[in-house]
N, C-alpha and C. Protein backbone atom coordinates (compact mmCIF):
# COMPACT_ATOMS: atom_id res chain seq x y z
N GLN A 1 25.20 -2.93 -39.73
CA GLN A 1 25.57 -3.73 -40.89
C GLN A 1 24.66 -3.40 -42.04
N ALA A 2 25.17 -3.51 -43.28
CA ALA A 2 24.40 -3.22 -44.47
C ALA A 2 24.03 -4.50 -45.19
N ARG A 3 22.95 -4.43 -45.91
CA ARG A 3 22.49 -5.57 -46.71
C ARG A 3 22.14 -5.07 -48.09
N LEU A 4 22.57 -5.81 -49.12
CA LEU A 4 22.31 -5.44 -50.50
C LEU A 4 21.41 -6.49 -51.14
N VAL A 5 20.39 -6.05 -51.83
CA VAL A 5 19.48 -6.96 -52.51
C VAL A 5 19.39 -6.55 -53.97
N GLU A 6 19.68 -7.50 -54.86
CA GLU A 6 19.66 -7.23 -56.30
C GLU A 6 18.38 -7.78 -56.92
N SER A 7 18.03 -7.23 -58.06
CA SER A 7 16.91 -7.73 -58.84
C SER A 7 17.12 -7.37 -60.30
N GLY A 8 16.41 -8.06 -61.18
CA GLY A 8 16.41 -7.67 -62.58
C GLY A 8 17.15 -8.58 -63.53
N GLY A 9 17.78 -9.63 -63.05
CA GLY A 9 18.47 -10.53 -63.97
C GLY A 9 17.47 -11.34 -64.78
N GLY A 10 17.99 -12.11 -65.71
CA GLY A 10 17.13 -12.94 -66.53
C GLY A 10 17.81 -13.42 -67.78
N VAL A 11 17.00 -13.91 -68.70
CA VAL A 11 17.49 -14.42 -69.98
C VAL A 11 17.03 -13.48 -71.08
N VAL A 12 17.95 -13.12 -71.96
CA VAL A 12 17.63 -12.20 -73.05
C VAL A 12 18.42 -12.61 -74.28
N GLN A 13 17.89 -12.31 -75.44
CA GLN A 13 18.62 -12.60 -76.68
C GLN A 13 19.69 -11.54 -76.93
N ALA A 14 20.69 -11.92 -77.67
CA ALA A 14 21.74 -10.98 -78.03
C ALA A 14 21.13 -9.75 -78.69
N GLY A 15 21.63 -8.58 -78.29
CA GLY A 15 21.10 -7.32 -78.78
C GLY A 15 20.02 -6.73 -77.90
N GLY A 16 19.54 -7.51 -76.97
CA GLY A 16 18.49 -7.06 -76.08
C GLY A 16 19.01 -6.25 -74.91
N SER A 17 18.09 -5.91 -74.01
CA SER A 17 18.42 -5.07 -72.86
C SER A 17 17.89 -5.68 -71.56
N LEU A 18 18.58 -5.36 -70.51
CA LEU A 18 18.14 -5.70 -69.16
C LEU A 18 18.54 -4.56 -68.23
N ARG A 19 17.79 -4.43 -67.15
CA ARG A 19 18.13 -3.43 -66.14
C ARG A 19 18.25 -4.12 -64.79
N LEU A 20 19.40 -3.97 -64.17
CA LEU A 20 19.63 -4.52 -62.84
C LEU A 20 19.46 -3.42 -61.81
N SER A 21 18.89 -3.77 -60.69
CA SER A 21 18.71 -2.82 -59.59
C SER A 21 19.26 -3.42 -58.31
N CYS A 22 19.74 -2.55 -57.44
CA CYS A 22 20.28 -2.98 -56.16
C CYS A 22 19.90 -1.95 -55.10
N ALA A 23 19.40 -2.45 -53.99
CA ALA A 23 19.02 -1.56 -52.89
C ALA A 23 19.79 -1.95 -51.64
N ALA A 24 20.37 -0.96 -51.01
CA ALA A 24 21.11 -1.17 -49.76
C ALA A 24 20.23 -0.77 -48.59
N SER A 25 20.25 -1.60 -47.55
CA SER A 25 19.46 -1.29 -46.37
C SER A 25 20.28 -1.63 -45.12
N GLY A 26 19.74 -1.24 -43.97
CA GLY A 26 20.45 -1.47 -42.72
C GLY A 26 20.79 -0.16 -42.06
N ARG A 27 21.64 -0.22 -41.07
CA ARG A 27 22.02 0.95 -40.29
C ARG A 27 23.17 1.68 -40.99
N ILE A 28 22.84 2.22 -42.16
CA ILE A 28 23.83 2.85 -43.01
C ILE A 28 23.97 4.33 -42.68
N PHE A 29 25.19 4.75 -42.49
CA PHE A 29 25.45 6.18 -42.27
C PHE A 29 25.65 6.87 -43.61
N SER A 30 26.48 6.27 -44.45
CA SER A 30 26.71 6.79 -45.80
C SER A 30 27.35 5.70 -46.64
N ILE A 31 27.28 5.90 -47.95
CA ILE A 31 27.90 4.96 -48.88
C ILE A 31 28.87 5.70 -49.78
N ASP A 32 30.08 5.23 -49.87
CA ASP A 32 31.06 5.81 -50.77
C ASP A 32 30.75 5.32 -52.19
N ALA A 33 31.57 4.46 -52.73
CA ALA A 33 31.33 3.96 -54.08
C ALA A 33 30.31 2.82 -54.07
N MET A 34 29.56 2.73 -55.14
CA MET A 34 28.68 1.59 -55.40
C MET A 34 29.03 1.08 -56.79
N GLY A 35 28.79 -0.20 -57.00
CA GLY A 35 29.15 -0.72 -58.31
C GLY A 35 28.58 -2.08 -58.59
N TRP A 36 28.88 -2.53 -59.79
CA TRP A 36 28.47 -3.86 -60.26
C TRP A 36 29.70 -4.62 -60.72
N TYR A 37 29.76 -5.87 -60.32
CA TYR A 37 30.79 -6.79 -60.73
C TYR A 37 30.11 -8.00 -61.34
N ARG A 38 30.87 -8.79 -62.08
CA ARG A 38 30.28 -10.01 -62.65
C ARG A 38 31.32 -11.13 -62.63
N GLN A 39 30.77 -12.34 -62.63
CA GLN A 39 31.63 -13.52 -62.64
C GLN A 39 31.02 -14.55 -63.57
N ALA A 40 31.74 -14.85 -64.62
CA ALA A 40 31.32 -15.89 -65.57
C ALA A 40 31.90 -17.22 -65.12
N PRO A 41 31.30 -18.33 -65.55
CA PRO A 41 31.81 -19.65 -65.15
C PRO A 41 33.27 -19.82 -65.51
N GLY A 42 34.06 -20.25 -64.54
CA GLY A 42 35.47 -20.50 -64.79
C GLY A 42 36.34 -19.26 -64.84
N LYS A 43 35.76 -18.10 -64.56
CA LYS A 43 36.52 -16.86 -64.62
C LYS A 43 36.48 -16.14 -63.27
N GLN A 44 37.42 -15.21 -63.11
CA GLN A 44 37.44 -14.43 -61.90
C GLN A 44 36.38 -13.33 -61.95
N ARG A 45 35.97 -12.89 -60.78
CA ARG A 45 35.03 -11.77 -60.72
C ARG A 45 35.71 -10.51 -61.24
N GLU A 46 35.00 -9.78 -62.08
CA GLU A 46 35.57 -8.57 -62.66
C GLU A 46 34.65 -7.38 -62.43
N LEU A 47 35.27 -6.21 -62.35
CA LEU A 47 34.51 -4.98 -62.22
C LEU A 47 33.79 -4.68 -63.52
N VAL A 48 32.55 -4.29 -63.44
CA VAL A 48 31.78 -3.88 -64.62
C VAL A 48 31.66 -2.36 -64.64
N ALA A 49 31.18 -1.79 -63.56
CA ALA A 49 31.00 -0.34 -63.50
C ALA A 49 30.90 0.10 -62.04
N THR A 50 31.39 1.30 -61.77
CA THR A 50 31.26 1.86 -60.44
C THR A 50 30.80 3.32 -60.54
N VAL A 51 30.23 3.81 -59.45
CA VAL A 51 29.83 5.21 -59.38
C VAL A 51 30.08 5.70 -57.96
N THR A 52 30.71 6.86 -57.86
CA THR A 52 30.98 7.43 -56.54
C THR A 52 29.76 8.18 -56.03
N SER A 53 29.82 8.60 -54.79
CA SER A 53 28.71 9.37 -54.23
C SER A 53 28.55 10.70 -54.96
N GLY A 54 29.61 11.16 -55.57
CA GLY A 54 29.53 12.41 -56.33
C GLY A 54 29.11 12.23 -57.76
N GLY A 55 28.93 10.98 -58.18
CA GLY A 55 28.43 10.72 -59.53
C GLY A 55 29.49 10.37 -60.55
N THR A 56 30.73 10.27 -60.15
CA THR A 56 31.78 9.89 -61.10
C THR A 56 31.66 8.41 -61.41
N THR A 57 31.65 8.10 -62.70
CA THR A 57 31.46 6.71 -63.12
C THR A 57 32.73 6.15 -63.75
N ASN A 58 32.80 4.83 -63.72
CA ASN A 58 33.93 4.11 -64.31
C ASN A 58 33.40 2.80 -64.88
N TYR A 59 33.84 2.45 -66.08
CA TYR A 59 33.36 1.24 -66.74
C TYR A 59 34.54 0.41 -67.24
N VAL A 60 34.36 -0.89 -67.25
CA VAL A 60 35.32 -1.74 -67.93
C VAL A 60 35.17 -1.49 -69.43
N ASP A 61 36.26 -1.58 -70.16
CA ASP A 61 36.23 -1.22 -71.57
C ASP A 61 35.18 -2.00 -72.37
N SER A 62 34.97 -3.25 -72.02
CA SER A 62 34.09 -4.11 -72.81
C SER A 62 32.62 -3.69 -72.75
N VAL A 63 32.24 -2.84 -71.80
CA VAL A 63 30.83 -2.44 -71.70
C VAL A 63 30.63 -0.96 -71.99
N LYS A 64 31.69 -0.24 -72.23
CA LYS A 64 31.56 1.19 -72.50
C LYS A 64 30.69 1.43 -73.72
N GLY A 65 29.75 2.36 -73.59
CA GLY A 65 28.84 2.66 -74.68
C GLY A 65 27.61 1.78 -74.71
N ARG A 66 27.61 0.71 -73.91
CA ARG A 66 26.45 -0.21 -73.88
C ARG A 66 25.76 -0.21 -72.53
N PHE A 67 26.53 -0.09 -71.46
CA PHE A 67 25.99 -0.14 -70.10
C PHE A 67 26.03 1.26 -69.48
N THR A 68 25.05 1.54 -68.64
CA THR A 68 25.02 2.80 -67.92
C THR A 68 24.70 2.53 -66.46
N ILE A 69 25.54 3.02 -65.57
CA ILE A 69 25.31 2.89 -64.14
C ILE A 69 24.73 4.19 -63.62
N SER A 70 23.76 4.06 -62.72
CA SER A 70 23.16 5.25 -62.12
C SER A 70 22.88 4.97 -60.65
N ARG A 71 22.77 6.03 -59.90
CA ARG A 71 22.68 5.89 -58.45
C ARG A 71 21.71 6.91 -57.87
N ASN A 72 21.00 6.51 -56.84
CA ASN A 72 20.14 7.42 -56.10
C ASN A 72 20.66 7.45 -54.66
N ASN A 73 21.35 8.51 -54.31
CA ASN A 73 21.97 8.59 -52.99
C ASN A 73 20.92 8.63 -51.87
N ALA A 74 19.81 9.25 -52.13
CA ALA A 74 18.78 9.37 -51.09
C ALA A 74 18.15 8.02 -50.76
N LYS A 75 18.09 7.15 -51.78
CA LYS A 75 17.44 5.84 -51.58
C LYS A 75 18.47 4.71 -51.41
N ASN A 76 19.75 5.04 -51.52
CA ASN A 76 20.81 4.02 -51.43
C ASN A 76 20.60 2.91 -52.45
N THR A 77 20.33 3.30 -53.67
CA THR A 77 20.14 2.33 -54.74
C THR A 77 21.12 2.59 -55.88
N VAL A 78 21.41 1.54 -56.62
CA VAL A 78 22.24 1.66 -57.81
C VAL A 78 21.67 0.75 -58.87
N ASP A 79 21.58 1.26 -60.09
CA ASP A 79 21.05 0.51 -61.22
C ASP A 79 22.10 0.34 -62.28
N LEU A 80 21.92 -0.70 -63.08
CA LEU A 80 22.79 -0.91 -64.24
C LEU A 80 21.89 -1.19 -65.45
N GLN A 81 21.84 -0.24 -66.35
CA GLN A 81 21.11 -0.42 -67.60
C GLN A 81 22.05 -1.05 -68.62
N MET A 82 21.67 -2.21 -69.11
CA MET A 82 22.52 -2.95 -70.03
C MET A 82 21.82 -3.06 -71.38
N ASN A 83 22.41 -2.45 -72.39
CA ASN A 83 21.87 -2.48 -73.75
C ASN A 83 22.82 -3.22 -74.67
N SER A 84 22.31 -3.60 -75.82
CA SER A 84 23.13 -4.29 -76.83
C SER A 84 23.89 -5.45 -76.20
N LEU A 85 23.19 -6.26 -75.45
CA LEU A 85 23.84 -7.34 -74.73
C LEU A 85 24.42 -8.37 -75.68
N LYS A 86 25.53 -8.94 -75.26
CA LYS A 86 26.25 -9.94 -76.05
C LYS A 86 26.34 -11.24 -75.24
N PRO A 87 26.49 -12.36 -75.90
CA PRO A 87 26.63 -13.62 -75.16
C PRO A 87 27.76 -13.58 -74.13
N GLU A 88 28.82 -12.84 -74.43
CA GLU A 88 29.93 -12.78 -73.48
C GLU A 88 29.61 -11.95 -72.23
N ASP A 89 28.46 -11.33 -72.19
CA ASP A 89 28.01 -10.64 -70.98
C ASP A 89 27.36 -11.60 -69.98
N THR A 90 27.17 -12.83 -70.42
CA THR A 90 26.56 -13.83 -69.54
C THR A 90 27.41 -14.05 -68.30
N ALA A 91 26.80 -13.91 -67.13
CA ALA A 91 27.53 -14.02 -65.87
C ALA A 91 26.56 -13.84 -64.72
N VAL A 92 27.05 -14.10 -63.52
CA VAL A 92 26.33 -13.68 -62.32
C VAL A 92 26.81 -12.28 -61.98
N TYR A 93 25.88 -11.36 -61.83
CA TYR A 93 26.20 -9.97 -61.55
C TYR A 93 25.98 -9.69 -60.06
N TYR A 94 26.99 -9.05 -59.47
CA TYR A 94 26.96 -8.76 -58.04
C TYR A 94 26.98 -7.26 -57.81
N CYS A 95 26.15 -6.82 -56.92
CA CYS A 95 26.15 -5.43 -56.48
C CYS A 95 27.15 -5.27 -55.33
N ASN A 96 27.82 -4.15 -55.32
CA ASN A 96 28.80 -3.86 -54.27
C ASN A 96 28.59 -2.44 -53.76
N ALA A 97 28.78 -2.28 -52.47
CA ALA A 97 28.72 -0.94 -51.87
C ALA A 97 29.78 -0.82 -50.79
N ASP A 98 30.51 0.26 -50.81
CA ASP A 98 31.46 0.57 -49.74
C ASP A 98 30.74 1.48 -48.76
N ALA A 99 30.25 0.87 -47.69
CA ALA A 99 29.33 1.58 -46.79
C ALA A 99 29.92 1.84 -45.42
N ARG A 100 29.54 2.96 -44.87
CA ARG A 100 29.85 3.29 -43.48
C ARG A 100 28.55 3.10 -42.70
N THR A 101 28.57 2.20 -41.77
CA THR A 101 27.39 1.97 -40.96
C THR A 101 27.49 2.78 -39.67
N ILE A 102 26.41 2.73 -38.90
CA ILE A 102 26.40 3.45 -37.63
C ILE A 102 27.53 2.94 -36.74
N ALA A 103 27.85 1.66 -36.85
CA ALA A 103 28.89 1.06 -36.01
C ALA A 103 30.30 1.29 -36.56
N THR A 104 30.41 1.62 -37.84
CA THR A 104 31.74 1.76 -38.46
C THR A 104 31.81 3.04 -39.28
N ILE A 105 31.47 4.17 -38.67
CA ILE A 105 31.40 5.42 -39.40
C ILE A 105 32.74 5.81 -40.01
N ARG A 106 33.84 5.49 -39.34
CA ARG A 106 35.14 5.95 -39.80
C ARG A 106 35.70 5.10 -40.92
N VAL A 107 35.11 3.94 -41.16
CA VAL A 107 35.65 3.04 -42.16
C VAL A 107 34.55 2.59 -43.10
N ALA A 108 34.81 2.71 -44.39
CA ALA A 108 33.87 2.19 -45.39
C ALA A 108 34.23 0.74 -45.69
N LEU A 109 33.31 -0.16 -45.38
CA LEU A 109 33.54 -1.58 -45.59
C LEU A 109 32.78 -2.07 -46.82
N PRO A 110 33.33 -3.04 -47.52
CA PRO A 110 32.64 -3.55 -48.72
C PRO A 110 31.53 -4.53 -48.36
N TYR A 111 30.39 -4.33 -48.98
CA TYR A 111 29.26 -5.24 -48.83
C TYR A 111 28.85 -5.74 -50.22
N TRP A 112 28.36 -6.97 -50.25
CA TRP A 112 28.02 -7.60 -51.52
C TRP A 112 26.59 -8.13 -51.49
N GLY A 113 25.95 -8.07 -52.64
CA GLY A 113 24.66 -8.73 -52.79
C GLY A 113 24.85 -10.21 -53.06
N GLN A 114 23.73 -10.91 -53.20
CA GLN A 114 23.78 -12.35 -53.38
C GLN A 114 24.04 -12.75 -54.83
N GLY A 115 23.91 -11.81 -55.73
CA GLY A 115 24.15 -12.08 -57.15
C GLY A 115 22.87 -12.36 -57.90
N THR A 116 22.85 -11.95 -59.15
CA THR A 116 21.71 -12.21 -60.02
C THR A 116 22.23 -12.68 -61.37
N GLN A 117 21.62 -13.72 -61.90
CA GLN A 117 22.10 -14.34 -63.14
C GLN A 117 21.61 -13.54 -64.35
N VAL A 118 22.53 -13.26 -65.25
CA VAL A 118 22.21 -12.68 -66.55
C VAL A 118 22.70 -13.65 -67.62
N THR A 119 21.79 -14.07 -68.47
CA THR A 119 22.12 -15.01 -69.54
C THR A 119 21.72 -14.39 -70.87
N VAL A 120 22.68 -14.29 -71.77
CA VAL A 120 22.43 -13.71 -73.09
C VAL A 120 22.61 -14.83 -74.12
N SER A 121 21.54 -15.13 -74.83
CA SER A 121 21.59 -16.21 -75.81
C SER A 121 21.91 -15.64 -77.19
N SER A 122 22.61 -16.44 -77.96
CA SER A 122 23.00 -15.98 -79.31
C SER A 122 21.96 -16.33 -80.36
């Protein structure tokens, strides 16, 4: 089984920056896609950015040009650099990894972190 631990959330003024980090641990054989999702109060969880094991990235339109996702395959980590933050970026951010563990090598299962709060004040 895999475990994801996030860090780096906090409170920042509009226009500021934050960097989120996520580390996957456990009996991991390999990880396919990794990504960040967010959920604002009263809203559904939405995809923010993803990165494949080969480095292909995908972003929701609202963060393009402001957020950058990066990944270290050797360390099973994924980061999200968030610049030019806006109040509408306020949400709980969740790390996600589609991981193949020693017990489930043939199937990549989704794992989630516990979430980290990002608050952007105007």
